[in-house]
C-alpha atoms as a PDB file:
ATOM      1  CA  MET A   1      -7.167 -16.365   1.771  1.00  0.00           C
ATOM      2  CA  SER A   2      -3.972 -14.820   3.091  1.00  0.00           C
ATOM      3  CA  VAL A   3      -3.667 -11.599   5.277  1.00  0.00           C
ATOM      4  CA  ARG A   4      -2.406  -9.902   2.180  1.00  0.00           C
ATOM      5  CA  GLU A   5      -5.362 -10.736   0.037  1.00  0.00           C
ATOM      6  CA  GLU A   6      -7.908 -10.181   2.710  1.00  0.00           C
ATOM      7  CA  PHE A   7      -6.627  -6.705   3.667  1.00  0.00           C
ATOM      8  CA  ASP A   8      -5.883  -5.783   0.157  1.00  0.00           C
ATOM      9  CA  ALA A   9      -9.563  -6.188  -0.675  1.00  0.00           C
ATOM     10  CA  TRP A  10     -10.442  -4.145   2.475  1.00  0.00           C
ATOM     11  CA  ALA A  11      -8.178  -1.377   1.362  1.00  0.00           C
ATOM     12  CA  THR A  12      -9.524  -1.308  -2.233  1.00  0.00           C
ATOM     13  CA  SER A  13     -13.137  -1.078  -0.883  1.00  0.00           C
ATOM     14  CA  GLY A  14     -12.253   1.890   1.475  1.00  0.00           C
ATOM     15  CA  ARG A  15     -12.532  -0.065   4.631  1.00  0.00           C
ATOM     16  CA  ASP A  16      -9.303   1.186   5.908  1.00  0.00           C
ATOM     17  CA  ARG A  17     -10.991   4.598   6.666  1.00  0.00           C
ATOM     18  CA  GLY A  18     -13.875   2.824   8.344  1.00  0.00           C
ATOM     19  CA  MET A  19     -11.524   1.047  10.747  1.00  0.00           C
ATOM     20  CA  GLU A  20      -9.760   4.294  11.438  1.00  0.00           C
ATOM     21  CA  GLU A  21     -12.960   5.942  12.590  1.00  0.00           C
ATOM     22  CA  ARG A  22     -13.983   3.081  14.810  1.00  0.00           C
ATOM     23  CA  HIS A  23     -10.717   2.490  16.258  1.00  0.00           C
ATOM     24  CA  TRP A  24     -10.052   6.091  17.161  1.00  0.00           C
ATOM     25  CA  HIS A  25     -12.598   6.046  19.951  1.00  0.00           C
ATOM     26  CA  THR A  26     -10.184   4.266  22.170  1.00  0.00           C
ATOM     27  CA  ALA A  27      -6.869   4.365  20.245  1.00  0.00           C
ATOM     28  CA  LYS A  28      -6.612   8.087  21.001  1.00  0.00           C
ATOM     29  CA  HIS A  29      -6.606   7.432  24.767  1.00  0.00           C
ATOM     30  CA  ALA A  30      -3.960   4.792  24.620  1.00  0.00           C
ATOM     31  CA  LEU A  31      -1.842   6.910  22.137  1.00  0.00           C
ATOM     32  CA  ALA A  32      -1.854   9.818  24.583  1.00  0.00           C
ATOM     33  CA  ARG A  33      -0.312   7.517  27.191  1.00  0.00           C
ATOM     34  CA  MET A  34       2.820   6.619  25.009  1.00  0.00           C
ATOM     35  CA  PRO A  35       5.928   8.281  26.395  1.00  0.00           C
ATOM     36  CA  VAL A  36       7.058   9.488  22.911  1.00  0.00           C
ATOM     37  CA  GLU A  37       9.535  12.279  23.141  1.00  0.00           C
ATOM     38  CA  PRO A  38      10.459  14.654  20.263  1.00  0.00           C
ATOM     39  CA  GLY A  39      12.564  12.889  17.715  1.00  0.00           C
ATOM     40  CA  ASP A  40      11.767   9.456  18.794  1.00  0.00           C
ATOM     41  CA  THR A  41      11.473   6.697  16.208  1.00  0.00           C
ATOM     42  CA  VAL A  42       8.144   4.996  16.138  1.00  0.00           C
ATOM     43  CA  LEU A  43       6.868   1.800  14.253  1.00  0.00           C
ATOM     44  CA  ASP A  44       3.103   1.400  13.761  1.00  0.00           C
ATOM     45  CA  LEU A  45       2.779  -2.266  13.354  1.00  0.00           C
ATOM     46  CA  GLY A  46      -0.291  -3.365  11.227  1.00  0.00           C
ATOM     47  CA  CYS A  47      -0.726   0.229  10.375  1.00  0.00           C
ATOM     48  CA  GLY A  48      -3.804   0.106   8.157  1.00  0.00           C
ATOM     49  CA  SER A  49      -4.471   3.752   7.140  1.00  0.00           C
ATOM     50  CA  GLY A  50      -1.708   4.974   9.097  1.00  0.00           C
ATOM     51  CA  TYR A  51      -3.561   7.330  11.450  1.00  0.00           C
ATOM     52  CA  ALA A  52      -1.777   6.331  14.645  1.00  0.00           C
ATOM     53  CA  GLY A  53       1.600   7.232  13.256  1.00  0.00           C
ATOM     54  CA  ARG A  54       0.409  10.627  11.903  1.00  0.00           C
ATOM     55  CA  ALA A  55      -1.253  11.342  15.203  1.00  0.00           C
ATOM     56  CA  LEU A  56       2.071  10.797  17.049  1.00  0.00           C
ATOM     57  CA  ARG A  57       3.762  13.153  14.580  1.00  0.00           C
ATOM     58  CA  ASP A  58       1.235  15.706  15.036  1.00  0.00           C
ATOM     59  CA  ASN A  59       0.711  15.644  18.752  1.00  0.00           C
ATOM     60  CA  LYS A  60       3.976  14.287  20.345  1.00  0.00           C
ATOM     61  CA  ASP A  61       6.446  15.565  17.717  1.00  0.00           C
ATOM     62  CA  ALA A  62       7.738  11.925  17.006  1.00  0.00           C
ATOM     63  CA  GLY A  63      10.772  11.748  14.737  1.00  0.00           C
ATOM     64  CA  ARG A  64      10.778   9.116  11.974  1.00  0.00           C
ATOM     65  CA  VAL A  65       7.636   7.214  11.807  1.00  0.00           C
ATOM     66  CA  TYR A  66       7.244   3.813  10.112  1.00  0.00           C
ATOM     67  CA  GLY A  67       4.007   2.153   9.216  1.00  0.00           C
ATOM     68  CA  LEU A  68       4.326  -1.520   8.422  1.00  0.00           C
ATOM     69  CA  ASP A  69       1.411  -3.635   7.029  1.00  0.00           C
ATOM     70  CA  GLY A  70       1.061  -7.109   5.372  1.00  0.00           C
ATOM     71  CA  SER A  71      -1.134  -5.430   2.724  1.00  0.00           C
ATOM     72  CA  PRO A  72       0.323  -3.546  -0.201  1.00  0.00           C
ATOM     73  CA  GLU A  73      -2.959  -1.661  -0.767  1.00  0.00           C
ATOM     74  CA  MET A  74      -3.115  -0.716   2.978  1.00  0.00           C
ATOM     75  CA  ALA A  75       0.431   0.721   2.833  1.00  0.00           C
ATOM     76  CA  ARG A  76      -0.299   2.509  -0.564  1.00  0.00           C
ATOM     77  CA  ASN A  77      -3.427   3.962   0.758  1.00  0.00           C
ATOM     78  CA  ALA A  78      -1.697   5.108   3.945  1.00  0.00           C
ATOM     79  CA  ALA A  79       1.004   6.827   2.069  1.00  0.00           C
ATOM     80  CA  SER A  80      -1.414   8.802  -0.009  1.00  0.00           C
ATOM     81  CA  TYR A  81      -2.990  10.249   3.181  1.00  0.00           C
ATOM     82  CA  THR A  82       0.131  12.142   3.980  1.00  0.00           C
ATOM     83  CA  ASP A  83       2.853  14.309   2.557  1.00  0.00           C
ATOM     84  CA  ASP A  84       4.974  14.343   5.797  1.00  0.00           C
ATOM     85  CA  PRO A  85       8.532  13.392   4.670  1.00  0.00           C
ATOM     86  CA  GLU A  86       9.128  11.724   8.150  1.00  0.00           C
ATOM     87  CA  VAL A  87       6.337   9.368   7.731  1.00  0.00           C
ATOM     88  CA  GLY A  88       6.936   6.275   5.514  1.00  0.00           C
ATOM     89  CA  TYR A  89       5.043   3.010   4.760  1.00  0.00           C
ATOM     90  CA  LEU A  90       6.334  -0.440   3.865  1.00  0.00           C
ATOM     91  CA  VAL A  91       4.904  -3.864   3.405  1.00  0.00           C
ATOM     92  CA  GLY A  92       6.313  -6.439   5.701  1.00  0.00           C
ATOM     93  CA  ASP A  93       6.024  -9.635   7.708  1.00  0.00           C
ATOM     94  CA  PHE A  94       5.176  -9.597  11.481  1.00  0.00           C
ATOM     95  CA  ASP A  95       7.390 -12.790  11.735  1.00  0.00           C
ATOM     96  CA  SER A  96      10.522 -10.950  10.525  1.00  0.00           C
ATOM     97  CA  LEU A  97      10.450  -7.213  11.267  1.00  0.00           C
ATOM     98  CA  PRO A  98      12.715  -5.423   8.751  1.00  0.00           C
ATOM     99  CA  PHE A  99      14.497  -3.257  11.289  1.00  0.00           C
ATOM    100  CA  ALA A 100      18.006  -3.532  13.126  1.00  0.00           C
ATOM    101  CA  ASP A 101      18.377  -4.537  16.772  1.00  0.00           C
ATOM    102  CA  ASP A 102      17.789  -1.791  19.082  1.00  0.00           C
ATOM    103  CA  SER A 103      16.605   0.657  16.382  1.00  0.00           C
ATOM    104  CA  ILE A 104      13.043   1.665  17.443  1.00  0.00           C
ATOM    105  CA  ASP A 105      11.957   3.746  20.489  1.00  0.00           C
ATOM    106  CA  HIS A 106       8.224   2.866  20.554  1.00  0.00           C
ATOM    107  CA  ILE A 107       5.910   0.536  18.760  1.00  0.00           C
ATOM    108  CA  TRP A 108       2.252   0.720  18.445  1.00  0.00           C
ATOM    109  CA  SER A 109      -0.267  -1.729  17.289  1.00  0.00           C
ATOM    110  CA  MET A 110      -3.981  -1.501  17.124  1.00  0.00           C
ATOM    111  CA  GLU A 111      -6.267  -4.438  16.098  1.00  0.00           C
ATOM    112  CA  ALA A 112      -3.493  -6.105  14.185  1.00  0.00           C
ATOM    113  CA  PHE A 113      -1.388  -8.266  16.491  1.00  0.00           C
ATOM    114  CA  TYR A 114      -3.862 -11.064  16.567  1.00  0.00           C
ATOM    115  CA  TYR A 115      -3.445 -11.698  12.861  1.00  0.00           C
ATOM    116  CA  ALA A 116       0.233 -12.594  13.318  1.00  0.00           C
ATOM    117  CA  ALA A 117       0.977 -16.111  12.149  1.00  0.00           C
ATOM    118  CA  ASP A 118       3.205 -16.755  15.049  1.00  0.00           C
ATOM    119  CA  PRO A 119       2.362 -14.176  17.843  1.00  0.00           C
ATOM    120  CA  HIS A 120       5.209 -15.317  20.080  1.00  0.00           C
ATOM    121  CA  ASN A 121       7.833 -15.066  17.411  1.00  0.00           C
ATOM    122  CA  THR A 122       6.165 -11.566  16.651  1.00  0.00           C
ATOM    123  CA  LEU A 123       6.784 -10.559  20.286  1.00  0.00           C
ATOM    124  CA  ARG A 124      10.356 -11.687  20.130  1.00  0.00           C
ATOM    125  CA  GLU A 125      10.856  -9.599  17.082  1.00  0.00           C
ATOM    126  CA  VAL A 126       9.322  -6.739  18.948  1.00  0.00           C
ATOM    127  CA  ALA A 127      11.703  -7.098  21.883  1.00  0.00           C
ATOM    128  CA  ARG A 128      14.610  -7.408  19.393  1.00  0.00           C
ATOM    129  CA  ILE A 129      14.048  -4.175  17.597  1.00  0.00           C
ATOM    130  CA  LEU A 130      13.141  -2.250  20.654  1.00  0.00           C
ATOM    131  CA  ARG A 131      15.759   0.112  22.292  1.00  0.00           C
ATOM    132  CA  PRO A 132      16.420  -0.350  26.069  1.00  0.00           C
ATOM    133  CA  GLY A 133      13.351   1.273  27.654  1.00  0.00           C
ATOM    134  CA  GLY A 134      11.358   1.310  24.555  1.00  0.00           C
ATOM    135  CA  THR A 135       7.576   0.506  24.770  1.00  0.00           C
ATOM    136  CA  PHE A 136       5.194  -1.862  22.935  1.00  0.00           C
ATOM    137  CA  TYR A 137       1.572  -0.596  23.068  1.00  0.00           C
ATOM    138  CA  CYS A 138      -0.596  -3.539  21.876  1.00  0.00           C
ATOM    139  CA  ALA A 139      -4.228  -2.725  21.815  1.00  0.00           C
ATOM    140  CA  VAL A 140      -6.918  -5.326  20.765  1.00  0.00           C
ATOM    141  CA  ASN A 141     -10.767  -5.677  20.916  1.00  0.00           C
ATOM    142  CA  TYR A 142     -10.611  -9.316  19.947  1.00  0.00           C
ATOM    143  CA  TYR A 143      -9.688 -11.171  22.969  1.00  0.00           C
ATOM    144  CA  GLU A 144     -11.107 -14.010  25.274  1.00  0.00           C
ATOM    145  CA  GLU A 145     -12.683 -11.893  27.978  1.00  0.00           C
ATOM    146  CA  ASN A 146     -14.836  -9.912  25.299  1.00  0.00           C
ATOM    147  CA  VAL A 147     -17.236 -12.563  24.501  1.00  0.00           C
ATOM    148  CA  HIS A 148     -18.917 -10.172  22.137  1.00  0.00           C
ATOM    149  CA  SER A 149     -15.943 -10.335  19.687  1.00  0.00           C
ATOM    150  CA  HIS A 150     -15.714 -14.053  19.433  1.00  0.00           C
ATOM    151  CA  GLU A 151     -18.055 -14.370  16.490  1.00  0.00           C
ATOM    152  CA  TRP A 152     -15.711 -12.121  14.492  1.00  0.00           C
ATOM    153  CA  GLN A 153     -13.565 -15.121  13.378  1.00  0.00           C
ATOM    154  CA  GLU A 154     -16.551 -16.337  11.479  1.00  0.00           C
ATOM    155  CA  ASN A 155     -16.475 -13.265   9.336  1.00  0.00           C
ATOM    156  CA  ILE A 156     -12.925 -13.300   8.280  1.00  0.00           C
ATOM    157  CA  SER A 157     -10.907 -16.044   6.551  1.00  0.00           C
ATOM    158  CA  VAL A 158      -7.635 -15.204   8.268  1.00  0.00           C
ATOM    159  CA  GLU A 159      -6.878 -17.156  11.367  1.00  0.00           C
ATOM    160  CA  MET A 160      -6.995 -15.217  14.528  1.00  0.00           C
ATOM    161  CA  THR A 161      -5.204 -15.529  17.911  1.00  0.00           C
ATOM    162  CA  ARG A 162      -7.743 -15.037  20.762  1.00  0.00           C
ATOM    163  CA  TRP A 163      -5.740 -14.660  24.011  1.00  0.00           C
ATOM    164  CA  ASP A 164      -6.977 -13.739  27.429  1.00  0.00           C
ATOM    165  CA  ARG A 165      -5.398 -10.956  29.567  1.00  0.00           C
ATOM    166  CA  GLY A 166      -3.141 -13.446  31.411  1.00  0.00           C
ATOM    167  CA  GLN A 167      -1.975 -15.003  28.172  1.00  0.00           C
ATOM    168  CA  TYR A 168      -0.989 -11.517  26.936  1.00  0.00           C
ATOM    169  CA  ARG A 169       0.947 -10.805  29.832  1.00  0.00           C
ATOM    170  CA  GLU A 170       2.752 -14.106  30.003  1.00  0.00           C
ATOM    171  CA  ALA A 171       3.727 -14.115  26.318  1.00  0.00           C
ATOM    172  CA  PHE A 172       5.115 -10.570  26.638  1.00  0.00           C
ATOM    173  CA  ARG A 173       7.344 -11.746  29.659  1.00  0.00           C
ATOM    174  CA  GLU A 174       8.380 -14.940  27.802  1.00  0.00           C
ATOM    175  CA  ALA A 175       9.469 -12.618  24.895  1.00  0.00           C
ATOM    176  CA  GLY A 176      11.683 -10.538  27.335  1.00  0.00           C
ATOM    177  CA  LEU A 177       9.369  -7.615  27.743  1.00  0.00           C
ATOM    178  CA  HIS A 178       8.352  -6.249  31.241  1.00  0.00           C
ATOM    179  CA  VAL A 179       4.656  -5.788  31.474  1.00  0.00           C
ATOM    180  CA  ALA A 180       4.212  -2.156  32.698  1.00  0.00           C
ATOM    181  CA  GLU A 181       0.404  -2.040  32.617  1.00  0.00           C
ATOM    182  CA  GLN A 182      -2.690  -3.767  31.280  1.00  0.00           C
ATOM    183  CA  ASP A 183      -6.122  -2.287  31.420  1.00  0.00           C
ATOM    184  CA  ASN A 184      -9.359  -1.844  29.369  1.00  0.00           C
ATOM    185  CA  ILE A 185     -10.182   1.298  27.716  1.00  0.00           C
ATOM    186  CA  PRO A 186     -13.982   1.859  27.225  1.00  0.00           C
ATOM    187  CA  ASP A 187     -15.525   3.280  24.325  1.00  0.00           C
ATOM    188  CA  ARG A 188     -17.716   6.082  25.446  1.00  0.00           C
ATOM    189  CA  GLU A 189     -18.377   7.521  22.025  1.00  0.00           C
ATOM    190  CA  ILE A 190     -20.571   4.777  20.640  1.00  0.00           C
ATOM    191  CA  THR A 191     -24.122   5.802  21.163  1.00  0.00           C
ATOM    192  CA  ILE A 192     -26.078   3.273  23.153  1.00  0.00           C
ATOM    193  CA  PRO A 193     -29.873   3.426  22.347  1.00  0.00           C
ATOM    194  CA  SER A 194     -32.600   3.289  25.095  1.00  0.00           C
ATOM    195  CA  GLU A 195     -33.756  -0.115  26.382  1.00  0.00           C
ATOM    196  CA  ALA A 196     -37.010   0.328  24.597  1.00  0.00           C
ATOM    197  CA  GLU A 197     -35.134   0.188  21.205  1.00  0.00           C
ATOM    198  CA  PHE A 198     -33.660  -3.276  21.725  1.00  0.00           C
ATOM    199  CA  PRO A 199     -33.441  -5.691  20.215  1.00  0.00           C
ATOM    200  CA  THR A 200     -31.552  -4.010  17.363  1.00  0.00           C
ATOM    201  CA  GLU A 201     -30.091  -5.670  14.348  1.00  0.00           C
ATOM    202  CA  ASP A 202     -26.794  -6.280  16.030  1.00  0.00           C
ATOM    203  CA  TRP A 203     -27.854  -6.537  19.795  1.00  0.00           C
ATOM    204  CA  ASN A 204     -30.347  -8.466  21.589  1.00  0.00           C
ATOM    205  CA  THR A 205     -30.167  -6.503  24.883  1.00  0.00           C
ATOM    206  CA  ARG A 206     -28.929  -3.156  25.922  1.00  0.00           C
ATOM    207  CA  ASP A 207     -26.967  -4.761  28.788  1.00  0.00           C
ATOM    208  CA  ASP A 208     -24.845  -6.635  26.122  1.00  0.00           C
ATOM    209  CA  MET A 209     -24.073  -3.502  24.231  1.00  0.00           C
ATOM    210  CA  VAL A 210     -23.200  -1.717  27.322  1.00  0.00           C
ATOM    211  CA  GLU A 211     -20.966  -4.401  28.518  1.00  0.00           C
ATOM    212  CA  ARG A 212     -19.177  -4.654  25.046  1.00  0.00           C
ATOM    213  CA  TYR A 213     -18.498  -1.033  24.736  1.00  0.00           C
ATOM    214  CA  ARG A 214     -18.438   0.438  28.312  1.00  0.00           C
ATOM    215  CA  GLU A 215     -16.790  -2.485  30.073  1.00  0.00           C
ATOM    216  CA  TYR A 216     -14.594  -4.527  27.817  1.00  0.00           C
ATOM    217  CA  GLY A 217     -13.746  -1.810  25.165  1.00  0.00           C
ATOM    218  CA  THR A 218     -10.258  -2.187  24.136  1.00  0.00           C
ATOM    219  CA  LEU A 219      -7.711  -4.279  25.867  1.00  0.00           C
ATOM    220  CA  LEU A 220      -4.353  -2.445  26.241  1.00  0.00           C
ATOM    221  CA  THR A 221      -1.175  -4.300  27.171  1.00  0.00           C
ATOM    222  CA  VAL A 222       2.122  -2.277  27.524  1.00  0.00           C
ATOM    223  CA  GLY A 223       5.547  -3.964  27.358  1.00  0.00           C
ATOM    224  CA  VAL A 224       8.895  -2.302  28.223  1.00  0.00           C
ATOM    225  CA  ALA A 225      12.152  -3.556  26.847  1.00  0.00           C
ATOM    226  CA  PRO A 226      14.752  -3.933  29.612  1.00  0.00           C
END
């Protein structure tokens, strides 16, 4: 199954809103760090429901915001969630971003980058369209150190790229981006039951659940265009 088919099905079933709710726990902290200034042009890469772009409009007064997704149904849903004329959604391919060189001030991507068919090429495309000094905030929960995420590949037909922290830094640099920061943002909003309530349907031990949400959380890598 293609990325388009997979996520069209997700959007049709309403899972886009569910992803938004789960991702917001850590996404809001990363979004707050973005150096978006009033009027800046922002791209939400793999936008899903489009929550990130709308948040940047509401909270940082971003200018034009584009949300790009490989799924027409995701883009259609996202467009239906706003009437802001400065926010637009389009269907596109991560391997060939439909933007001119040096045309975007900041790029955000949450839980989408690892679906790129050629992640190295996607990073080159990111570097191409960013203006000098522009940033790429790449947030993922599926990565090598987070051992609790490894089984996710078994539940989705799309091939996913699982890099470790070092591979992210190296790939960013190879694409021509400076790595400004990289850290883990813990999810402190997921409720972790008492030890007496384990094992649960999803977790064998409380320690595993604590590690997943409080230690690993979301891996954020920030690249800056020279």
